[in-house]
Protein backbone atom coordinates (compact mmCIF):
# COMPACT_ATOMS: atom_id res chain seq x y z
CA UNK A 1 -130.21 16.63 88.11
CA UNK A 2 -128.03 15.80 86.04
CA UNK A 3 -127.57 18.09 83.30
CA UNK A 4 -127.72 16.54 79.94
CA UNK A 5 -124.99 17.39 76.92
CA UNK A 6 -126.15 19.26 73.92
CA UNK A 7 -127.29 17.54 70.69
CA UNK A 8 -124.70 17.92 68.41
CA UNK A 9 -125.66 18.30 64.59
CA UNK A 10 -122.68 17.49 61.53
CA UNK A 11 -123.21 20.43 59.21
CA UNK A 12 -124.53 19.13 55.13
CA UNK A 13 -121.26 19.60 53.88
CA UNK A 14 -120.11 16.61 55.88
CA UNK A 15 -123.30 14.60 56.02
CA UNK A 16 -123.10 14.75 51.78
CA UNK A 17 -120.10 13.81 52.14
CA UNK A 18 -120.31 10.60 54.02
CA UNK A 19 -123.19 8.87 51.39
CA UNK A 20 -121.07 10.24 49.00
CA UNK A 21 -118.28 7.61 50.45
CA UNK A 22 -121.35 4.98 50.86
CA UNK A 23 -122.78 5.35 47.88
CA UNK A 24 -119.08 4.61 45.73
CA UNK A 25 -117.61 1.21 48.27
CA UNK A 26 -121.36 -0.15 47.05
CA UNK A 27 -120.60 -3.06 44.14
CA UNK A 28 -121.21 -1.74 40.19
CA UNK A 29 -123.56 -4.28 39.65
CA UNK A 30 -125.20 -5.32 42.97
CA UNK A 31 -128.42 -5.83 42.13
CA UNK A 32 -129.03 -9.69 43.54
CA UNK A 33 -131.35 -10.78 40.25
CA UNK A 34 -128.56 -9.27 37.26
CA UNK A 35 -126.93 -12.45 34.46
CA UNK A 36 -123.20 -12.77 34.03
CA UNK A 37 -122.33 -11.60 30.62
CA UNK A 38 -121.75 -14.06 28.07
CA UNK A 39 -118.39 -15.90 27.33
CA UNK A 40 -116.93 -14.48 24.28
CA UNK A 41 -117.37 -16.67 21.12
CA UNK A 42 -114.90 -19.19 19.88
CA UNK A 43 -112.67 -18.07 16.84
CA UNK A 44 -113.31 -20.44 14.17
CA UNK A 45 -111.11 -23.73 13.36
CA UNK A 46 -110.31 -24.37 10.07
CA UNK A 47 -112.47 -27.51 8.75
CA UNK A 48 -110.75 -31.06 8.70
CA UNK A 49 -108.45 -32.31 6.05
CA UNK A 50 -107.63 -29.02 4.63
CA UNK A 51 -104.09 -27.45 3.23
CA UNK A 52 -103.09 -24.05 1.60
CA UNK A 53 -100.49 -24.85 -1.43
CA UNK A 54 -99.74 -28.07 0.19
CA UNK A 55 -99.48 -27.31 3.61
CA UNK A 56 -101.97 -28.91 6.05
CA UNK A 57 -103.95 -26.12 8.15
CA UNK A 58 -106.90 -28.48 9.52
CA UNK A 59 -107.77 -27.62 13.24
CA UNK A 60 -105.64 -24.26 13.39
CA UNK A 61 -107.14 -20.74 13.75
CA UNK A 62 -106.81 -18.92 11.15
CA UNK A 63 -103.98 -16.61 12.74
CA UNK A 64 -101.76 -20.04 13.48
CA UNK A 65 -102.81 -20.85 9.60
CA UNK A 66 -101.26 -18.00 8.96
CA UNK A 67 -98.36 -18.06 10.78
CA UNK A 68 -97.80 -21.62 9.54
CA UNK A 69 -98.32 -21.17 5.85
CA UNK A 70 -95.61 -17.81 6.06
CA UNK A 71 -93.21 -20.19 7.59
CA UNK A 72 -93.70 -22.71 4.67
CA UNK A 73 -93.37 -20.47 1.91
CA UNK A 74 -90.37 -18.12 3.32
CA UNK A 75 -88.53 -21.38 3.79
CA UNK A 76 -85.70 -21.68 1.20
CA UNK A 77 -85.04 -22.93 -2.20
CA UNK A 78 -82.10 -25.80 -2.86
CA UNK A 79 -80.22 -25.50 -6.12
CA UNK A 80 -77.75 -27.25 -6.71
CA UNK A 81 -75.10 -27.24 -9.45
CA UNK A 82 -72.45 -29.38 -9.36
CA UNK A 83 -71.05 -30.32 -5.76
CA UNK A 84 -72.11 -26.54 -4.41
CA UNK A 85 -75.97 -26.30 -2.58
CA UNK A 86 -77.67 -22.38 -3.22
CA UNK A 87 -80.05 -21.87 -0.69
CA UNK A 88 -81.84 -18.79 -2.06
CA UNK A 89 -84.51 -16.97 0.16
CA UNK A 90 -87.56 -16.64 -1.81
CA UNK A 91 -87.91 -13.17 -0.64
CA UNK A 92 -84.68 -12.21 -2.36
CA UNK A 93 -85.55 -13.45 -5.02
CA UNK A 94 -88.44 -11.36 -5.49
CA UNK A 95 -91.56 -14.05 -4.98
CA UNK A 96 -94.27 -12.62 -2.23
CA UNK A 97 -96.94 -14.84 -1.00
CA UNK A 98 -100.81 -13.61 -0.68
CA UNK A 99 -101.68 -15.55 2.27
CA UNK A 100 -105.18 -13.00 3.75
CA UNK A 101 -106.81 -14.50 0.84
CA UNK A 102 -105.82 -17.99 0.78
CA UNK A 103 -106.89 -18.37 4.62
CA UNK A 104 -110.01 -16.54 4.34
CA UNK A 105 -110.74 -19.15 1.52
CA UNK A 106 -109.50 -22.46 3.68
CA UNK A 107 -112.14 -21.36 6.27
CA UNK A 108 -115.00 -22.40 4.49
CA UNK A 109 -113.93 -24.24 2.48
CA UNK A 110 -115.27 -28.63 2.69
CA UNK A 111 -113.21 -30.52 4.05
CA UNK A 112 -110.38 -32.27 2.44
CA UNK A 113 -109.77 -29.46 -0.17
CA UNK A 114 -106.30 -28.52 -0.71
CA UNK A 115 -106.41 -24.53 -1.58
CA UNK A 116 -104.07 -22.61 -3.83
CA UNK A 117 -101.48 -20.30 -2.55
CA UNK A 118 -100.95 -17.16 -5.21
CA UNK A 119 -97.88 -16.18 -5.63
CA UNK A 120 -96.24 -13.10 -7.10
CA UNK A 121 -93.22 -13.49 -8.92
CA UNK A 122 -90.37 -11.25 -9.65
CA UNK A 123 -89.33 -12.07 -13.00
CA UNK A 124 -86.68 -9.62 -13.57
CA UNK A 125 -84.77 -10.48 -9.93
CA UNK A 126 -84.83 -14.10 -11.32
CA UNK A 127 -83.48 -13.41 -13.62
CA UNK A 128 -80.71 -11.20 -12.23
CA UNK A 129 -80.24 -13.84 -9.86
CA UNK A 130 -79.67 -16.50 -12.64
CA UNK A 131 -77.02 -13.82 -14.24
CA UNK A 132 -75.09 -13.66 -10.91
CA UNK A 133 -75.10 -17.85 -10.78
CA UNK A 134 -74.05 -18.24 -14.66
CA UNK A 135 -71.36 -15.64 -14.13
CA UNK A 136 -70.12 -17.56 -11.42
CA UNK A 137 -70.39 -21.27 -12.65
CA UNK A 138 -69.71 -20.38 -16.53
CA UNK A 139 -66.24 -22.80 -17.55
CA UNK A 140 -65.37 -22.04 -21.17
CA UNK A 141 -64.54 -26.18 -21.96
CA UNK A 142 -60.19 -26.82 -21.92
CA UNK A 143 -59.02 -28.58 -25.49
CA UNK A 144 -56.32 -31.46 -25.23
CA UNK A 145 -52.65 -30.25 -25.80
CA UNK A 146 -50.56 -32.27 -28.12
CA UNK A 147 -46.33 -32.01 -26.87
CA UNK A 148 -43.67 -33.58 -26.93
CA UNK A 149 -41.81 -35.84 -24.18
CA UNK A 150 -38.53 -37.77 -24.84
CA UNK A 151 -39.75 -37.93 -28.10
CA UNK A 152 -42.70 -38.90 -28.40
CA UNK A 153 -46.21 -37.80 -27.98
CA UNK A 154 -47.87 -36.41 -25.06
CA UNK A 155 -51.12 -34.89 -25.03
CA UNK A 156 -52.56 -33.30 -22.59
CA UNK A 157 -56.13 -34.27 -20.57
CA UNK A 158 -58.75 -31.71 -21.70
CA UNK A 159 -62.26 -30.99 -19.73
CA UNK A 160 -65.91 -29.85 -20.77
CA UNK A 161 -66.68 -26.73 -20.33
CA UNK A 162 -70.37 -26.13 -18.48
CA UNK A 163 -73.14 -23.27 -19.48
CA UNK A 164 -75.68 -21.99 -17.37
CA UNK A 165 -79.50 -22.00 -20.04
CA UNK A 166 -80.61 -18.59 -18.24
CA UNK A 167 -83.99 -19.37 -19.53
CA UNK A 168 -85.05 -23.02 -18.35
CA UNK A 169 -82.80 -22.00 -14.83
CA UNK A 170 -85.71 -18.65 -14.65
CA UNK A 171 -88.64 -20.42 -15.75
CA UNK A 172 -87.94 -23.55 -13.18
CA UNK A 173 -87.15 -20.88 -10.34
CA UNK A 174 -89.71 -19.17 -10.83
CA UNK A 175 -92.08 -21.92 -11.25
CA UNK A 176 -91.02 -23.91 -7.87
CA UNK A 177 -91.74 -20.28 -6.37
CA UNK A 178 -94.85 -20.11 -7.41
CA UNK A 179 -95.89 -23.72 -6.41
CA UNK A 180 -94.51 -23.69 -2.99
CA UNK A 181 -92.15 -26.29 -4.29
CA UNK A 182 -88.88 -26.65 -1.58
CA UNK A 183 -87.63 -29.80 -3.14
CA UNK A 184 -83.96 -29.64 -4.73
CA UNK A 185 -83.51 -28.83 -8.32
CA UNK A 186 -80.24 -29.03 -10.42
CA UNK A 187 -79.64 -25.91 -11.84
CA UNK A 188 -79.81 -26.20 -15.43
CA UNK A 189 -76.72 -26.42 -17.60
CA UNK A 190 -75.72 -27.92 -20.52
CA UNK A 191 -72.25 -28.78 -20.91
CA UNK A 192 -70.45 -28.39 -23.24
CA UNK A 193 -67.33 -30.51 -24.83
CA UNK A 194 -64.15 -29.94 -25.75
CA UNK A 195 -63.19 -29.14 -29.24
CA UNK A 196 -59.66 -31.33 -28.83
CA UNK A 197 -59.58 -34.65 -26.64
CA UNK A 198 -57.09 -37.51 -26.05
CA UNK A 199 -59.47 -39.60 -27.98
CA UNK A 200 -59.65 -37.34 -31.21
CA UNK A 201 -56.41 -35.79 -31.07
CA UNK A 202 -55.51 -37.95 -34.49
CA UNK A 203 -52.22 -39.36 -36.06
CA UNK A 204 -48.57 -37.98 -35.28
CA UNK A 205 -46.27 -38.11 -36.55
CA UNK A 206 -41.71 -37.83 -34.97
CA UNK A 207 -39.36 -37.74 -38.14
CA UNK A 208 -35.82 -38.95 -35.68
CA UNK A 209 -33.41 -37.65 -38.20
CA UNK A 210 -30.39 -38.89 -37.38
CA UNK A 211 -31.78 -42.18 -36.65
CA UNK A 212 -32.97 -42.13 -40.05
CA UNK A 213 -36.98 -43.10 -38.33
CA UNK A 214 -40.53 -42.68 -39.23
CA UNK A 215 -42.83 -43.68 -36.45
CA UNK A 216 -46.71 -43.51 -36.55
CA UNK A 217 -48.32 -42.47 -33.94
CA UNK A 218 -52.74 -42.07 -32.81
CA UNK A 219 -52.48 -39.96 -29.99
CA UNK A 220 -50.08 -40.83 -27.73
CA UNK A 221 -50.10 -44.84 -28.53
CA UNK A 222 -47.62 -46.27 -31.04
CA UNK A 223 -48.78 -47.14 -34.72
CA UNK A 224 -45.52 -48.43 -36.77
CA UNK A 225 -42.12 -46.68 -37.00
CA UNK A 226 -40.90 -46.93 -40.52
CA UNK A 227 -37.35 -46.62 -41.91
CA UNK A 228 -36.86 -42.95 -44.59
CA UNK A 229 -33.93 -41.13 -46.03
CA UNK A 230 -33.40 -37.27 -44.85
CA UNK A 231 -32.12 -34.77 -46.43
CA UNK A 232 -27.94 -34.53 -47.44
CA UNK A 233 -25.18 -32.81 -45.14
CA UNK A 234 -26.03 -29.69 -48.02
CA UNK A 235 -30.22 -29.79 -47.79
CA UNK A 236 -30.77 -31.28 -44.25
CA UNK A 237 -34.33 -31.86 -43.18
CA UNK A 238 -35.62 -29.39 -41.21
CA UNK A 239 -36.11 -29.23 -37.40
CA UNK A 240 -39.15 -28.29 -35.66
CA UNK A 241 -43.01 -28.88 -35.16
CA UNK A 242 -44.39 -28.91 -39.17
CA UNK A 243 -47.87 -30.16 -40.30
CA UNK A 244 -49.40 -32.18 -43.65
CA UNK A 245 -50.92 -28.94 -45.71
CA UNK A 246 -50.58 -31.46 -48.83
CA UNK A 247 -51.51 -34.27 -50.09
CA UNK A 248 -51.35 -35.99 -53.39
CA UNK A 249 -51.37 -39.26 -55.20
CA UNK A 250 -49.58 -39.42 -58.12
CA UNK A 251 -47.93 -35.89 -57.69
CA UNK A 252 -45.99 -34.60 -60.59
CA UNK A 253 -42.65 -33.55 -59.58
CA UNK A 254 -41.51 -30.11 -61.15
CA UNK A 255 -37.95 -28.55 -60.02
CA UNK A 256 -38.29 -26.56 -57.17
CA UNK A 257 -35.95 -23.06 -57.41
CA UNK A 258 -32.22 -24.10 -56.16
CA UNK A 259 -29.47 -24.37 -57.80
CA UNK A 260 -29.50 -28.10 -58.12
CA UNK A 261 -32.81 -28.25 -60.36
CA UNK A 262 -31.84 -25.99 -62.29
CA UNK A 263 -32.25 -26.00 -65.97
CA UNK A 264 -34.49 -29.71 -65.29
CA UNK A 265 -38.34 -30.35 -66.56
CA UNK A 266 -41.09 -31.51 -64.23
CA UNK A 267 -42.04 -35.07 -64.49
CA UNK A 268 -45.08 -36.69 -64.79
CA UNK A 269 -46.35 -39.35 -62.48
CA UNK A 270 -44.88 -42.56 -63.70
CA UNK A 271 -41.90 -45.64 -62.13
CA UNK A 272 -39.44 -42.92 -63.08
CA UNK A 273 -40.63 -40.37 -61.08
CA UNK A 274 -38.58 -39.67 -57.76
CA UNK A 275 -41.50 -38.50 -55.99
CA UNK A 276 -43.26 -42.04 -56.17
CA UNK A 277 -46.75 -42.37 -55.88
CA UNK A 278 -47.38 -40.25 -52.98
CA UNK A 279 -46.46 -37.06 -51.70
CA UNK A 280 -47.15 -35.65 -47.76
CA UNK A 281 -46.11 -32.15 -48.13
CA UNK A 282 -45.43 -30.24 -44.78
CA UNK A 283 -45.90 -26.39 -43.44
CA UNK A 284 -41.83 -26.77 -44.10
CA UNK A 285 -40.75 -24.86 -47.36
CA UNK A 286 -40.56 -27.50 -49.74
CA UNK A 287 -40.52 -30.15 -47.93
CA UNK A 288 -42.49 -33.43 -47.07
CA UNK A 289 -42.79 -36.51 -46.97
CA UNK A 290 -42.77 -38.73 -50.33
CA UNK A 291 -42.09 -43.17 -51.70
CA UNK A 292 -38.94 -43.07 -53.26
CA UNK A 293 -38.14 -45.26 -56.49
CA UNK A 294 -34.54 -45.04 -55.08
CA UNK A 295 -35.40 -47.96 -52.45
CA UNK A 296 -31.70 -48.65 -52.34
CA UNK A 297 -31.39 -44.70 -50.75
CA UNK A 298 -33.57 -45.78 -47.83
CA UNK A 299 -31.52 -45.31 -44.28
CA UNK A 300 -29.02 -42.85 -45.23
CA UNK A 301 -28.55 -38.59 -45.97
CA UNK A 302 -29.05 -38.01 -49.73
CA UNK A 303 -32.60 -36.19 -50.55
CA UNK A 304 -32.55 -32.26 -50.56
CA UNK A 305 -34.00 -31.80 -47.28
CA UNK A 306 -37.72 -34.63 -48.02
CA UNK A 307 -38.17 -37.78 -46.47
CA UNK A 308 -38.08 -40.51 -48.39
CA UNK A 309 -40.12 -43.96 -47.52
CA UNK A 310 -40.67 -47.30 -49.58
CA UNK A 311 -43.32 -46.37 -52.02
CA UNK A 312 -45.65 -49.35 -50.50
CA UNK A 313 -45.21 -47.32 -46.93
CA UNK A 314 -46.47 -44.44 -48.37
CA UNK A 315 -49.13 -45.37 -49.70
CA UNK A 316 -50.16 -46.71 -46.71
CA UNK A 317 -48.92 -44.33 -44.60
CA UNK A 318 -50.72 -41.92 -47.13
CA UNK A 319 -54.12 -43.35 -45.99
CA UNK A 320 -53.87 -42.51 -42.11
CA UNK A 321 -52.95 -39.16 -42.47
CA UNK A 322 -54.94 -35.87 -43.02
CA UNK A 323 -54.07 -32.33 -43.98
CA UNK A 324 -53.50 -30.77 -40.10
CA UNK A 325 -51.71 -34.20 -38.73
CA UNK A 326 -48.36 -32.53 -35.95
CA UNK A 327 -45.33 -34.03 -37.63
CA UNK A 328 -42.29 -33.58 -35.10
CA UNK A 329 -39.02 -33.39 -36.26
CA UNK A 330 -36.36 -34.33 -34.08
CA UNK A 331 -32.58 -34.59 -34.20
CA UNK A 332 -31.69 -37.93 -33.09
């Protein structure tokens, strides 16, 4: 008779381990009648036609709208100064946009609404920026200058200046930042015209001592020439650049403090007055341009340093020059 093998029994701890393993590998929620989890709720979208500070955000989520508005806000300004174009960043100018509140309002706004964007601007930073611009772009005007070239007047070109209008520039930049305006703007500045230009340089006299001629110019433009008398050898007409400092009609003649005038008496206006009817005194002491009753002296060196003219011509010239008119006296 065949012997049976004895039945082997597993220890209790081994049976427990096997049962635990079976339980672990069973799928969770394996109950056959359990419902699947609900899908996540979709993010709300901006209503149709809605924009924030002019930036269209319709159909976007809150996060996407925030990103679009932030990008638009951070775009640089465009400031023109003459031919120079500047592009400062709103952040560098101290501007801060409050985007989350605007996005929250846009989510519940009626269709086709433009929701405003609140922007805080640091005025001190904008003023400091404008001050830097003024230091860079302010320019003083340059006046014309009167010279003598080849015995004729030459007037240099003037140049207008420029000054940044600081208050207006600050207000313009702050307004652009606050309203999200990124259109090119011209920096407010005022022109500073030159005081002296080729157009207003006025009359100029050139006296050629040896040629015995007085030429009148208006700036660089020739007007008229006159025959004159100049100083004799012992009392020469001085050379140089002078100005008309006095103008007298029907002048008295007073003897100068010179040896040739010793003992002479003053002469009142009238036909015998050696100054004629007009006197244009120069900044050279004791020297002037005047009429003379002695027309025969014209063309010669016969005066005591003054410039003599025919009486009618001295009257004509008197009406066309002013105190301050430049007078060049040259040798040839």
